[in-house]
Amino acid sequence: MNDRVKGSLKVTRAFGAGFLKQPKWNDALLEEFRIDYVGKSPYINCIPSLYHHKLGPRDRFLILSSGGLYQYFTNEEAISEVELFIQWSPEGDPTQHLIEQVLFYAAKKESW
């Protein structure tokens, strides 16, 4: 629902969010936060999705992020943001730059 698991979580793998893993954790929530849990099977799990990449001479950085970054950026856009930032400000903090950009886009989307 709304491109989210039960309208709540964007990702299908998470360490938390027990209410999407077992009905008993959903039942433990206050009523207004519960989802309509159908069946006994988990909606999500915490088994990671791994991708192995051999580092090459063109690899300059690694982006580790939560799903929040990808609500506003594609992989290519996030890479481009970091590459441009490193060119403009080699001594700067690309992590802080990405956070600022996400906040900017989130505010723009919400019309703040």
Protein backbone atom coordinates (compact mmCIF):
# COMPACT_ATOMS: atom_id res chain seq x y z
CA MET A 1 0.00 0.00 0.00
CA ASN A 2 1.46 3.39 -1.05
CA ASP A 3 4.60 1.57 -2.23
CA ARG A 4 5.23 0.41 1.37
CA VAL A 5 4.85 -2.86 3.26
CA LYS A 6 1.35 -2.63 4.80
CA GLY A 7 1.54 1.13 4.13
CA SER A 8 4.21 1.50 6.80
CA LEU A 9 7.76 0.54 5.82
CA LYS A 10 9.53 1.16 2.50
CA VAL A 11 12.10 -1.65 2.88
CA THR A 12 11.45 -5.39 3.11
CA ARG A 13 14.45 -6.08 5.35
CA ALA A 14 14.88 -4.44 8.75
CA PHE A 15 16.39 -5.12 12.16
CA GLY A 16 13.43 -3.56 13.95
CA ALA A 17 9.78 -3.32 12.93
CA GLY A 18 8.79 -6.49 14.81
CA PHE A 19 5.13 -5.66 14.21
CA LEU A 20 5.71 -6.60 10.57
CA LYS A 21 7.45 -9.86 11.49
CA GLN A 22 5.11 -11.54 13.97
CA PRO A 23 1.44 -11.00 14.82
CA LYS A 24 2.24 -11.04 18.56
CA TRP A 25 4.43 -7.91 18.19
CA ASN A 26 1.69 -6.21 16.18
CA ASP A 27 -0.86 -7.11 18.87
CA ALA A 28 1.40 -5.56 21.53
CA LEU A 29 1.14 -2.12 19.89
CA LEU A 30 -1.39 0.50 20.89
CA GLU A 31 -4.47 -0.01 18.75
CA GLU A 32 -3.97 3.10 16.61
CA PHE A 33 -0.53 1.85 15.50
CA ARG A 34 -1.52 -1.74 14.65
CA ILE A 35 -1.73 -3.03 11.12
CA ASP A 36 -4.25 -5.51 9.74
CA TYR A 37 -1.99 -8.56 10.08
CA VAL A 38 -3.22 -11.38 7.82
CA GLY A 39 -1.91 -14.90 8.47
CA LYS A 40 1.13 -15.90 10.51
CA SER A 41 3.96 -15.37 7.99
CA PRO A 42 6.24 -12.35 8.35
CA TYR A 43 5.85 -9.45 5.93
CA ILE A 44 9.55 -8.55 6.28
CA ASN A 45 12.74 -10.16 7.57
CA CYS A 46 16.22 -9.13 8.65
CA ILE A 47 18.16 -11.30 6.18
CA PRO A 48 20.47 -8.90 4.32
CA SER A 49 20.62 -8.57 0.57
CA LEU A 50 24.30 -8.68 -0.39
CA TYR A 51 26.03 -7.57 -3.52
CA HIS A 52 29.72 -8.31 -4.01
CA HIS A 53 31.74 -5.80 -5.98
CA LYS A 54 35.47 -6.07 -6.63
CA LEU A 55 37.04 -2.67 -6.10
CA GLY A 56 38.58 -1.14 -9.18
CA PRO A 57 40.64 1.95 -9.95
CA ARG A 58 37.51 4.06 -10.59
CA ASP A 59 35.94 3.28 -7.20
CA ARG A 60 36.38 6.29 -4.92
CA PHE A 61 33.67 6.01 -2.27
CA LEU A 62 30.91 3.85 -0.82
CA ILE A 63 27.45 5.08 0.08
CA LEU A 64 25.82 3.30 3.04
CA SER A 65 22.34 4.54 3.71
CA SER A 66 18.86 3.76 4.88
CA GLY A 67 15.82 3.76 2.66
CA GLY A 68 15.25 7.45 3.42
CA LEU A 69 17.93 8.56 0.98
CA TYR A 70 16.28 6.64 -1.82
CA GLN A 71 12.91 8.29 -1.29
CA TYR A 72 14.50 11.32 -2.92
CA PHE A 73 17.45 10.01 -4.95
CA THR A 74 18.07 7.16 -7.35
CA ASN A 75 21.40 5.33 -7.03
CA GLU A 76 22.76 7.35 -9.95
CA GLU A 77 21.61 10.68 -8.46
CA ALA A 78 23.21 9.90 -5.08
CA ILE A 79 26.48 8.96 -6.79
CA SER A 80 26.39 12.12 -8.91
CA GLU A 81 25.75 14.29 -5.82
CA VAL A 82 28.77 12.82 -4.04
CA GLU A 83 31.03 13.05 -7.10
CA LEU A 84 30.12 16.70 -7.69
CA PHE A 85 30.50 17.56 -4.02
CA ILE A 86 33.97 15.96 -3.87
CA GLN A 87 34.99 18.03 -6.93
CA TRP A 88 33.66 21.28 -5.44
CA SER A 89 34.82 20.67 -1.89
CA PRO A 90 37.47 17.94 -1.57
CA GLU A 91 37.96 18.70 2.14
CA GLY A 92 34.19 18.84 2.81
CA ASP A 93 31.89 16.20 4.24
CA PRO A 94 29.87 14.44 1.50
CA THR A 95 27.72 12.72 4.14
CA GLN A 96 26.59 16.07 5.53
CA HIS A 97 25.95 17.28 1.97
CA LEU A 98 23.69 14.29 1.19
CA ILE A 99 21.78 14.82 4.46
CA GLU A 100 21.26 18.49 3.60
CA GLN A 101 20.07 17.61 0.10
CA VAL A 102 17.61 15.00 1.39
CA LEU A 103 16.23 17.51 3.91
CA PHE A 104 15.95 20.12 1.15
CA TYR A 105 14.03 17.75 -1.15
CA ALA A 106 11.84 16.50 1.69
CA ALA A 107 10.93 20.07 2.67
CA LYS A 108 10.29 20.96 -0.97
CA LYS A 109 8.08 17.88 -1.40
CA GLU A 110 6.09 18.77 1.71
CA SER A 111 5.98 22.46 0.63
CA TRP A 112 7.61 23.79 3.80
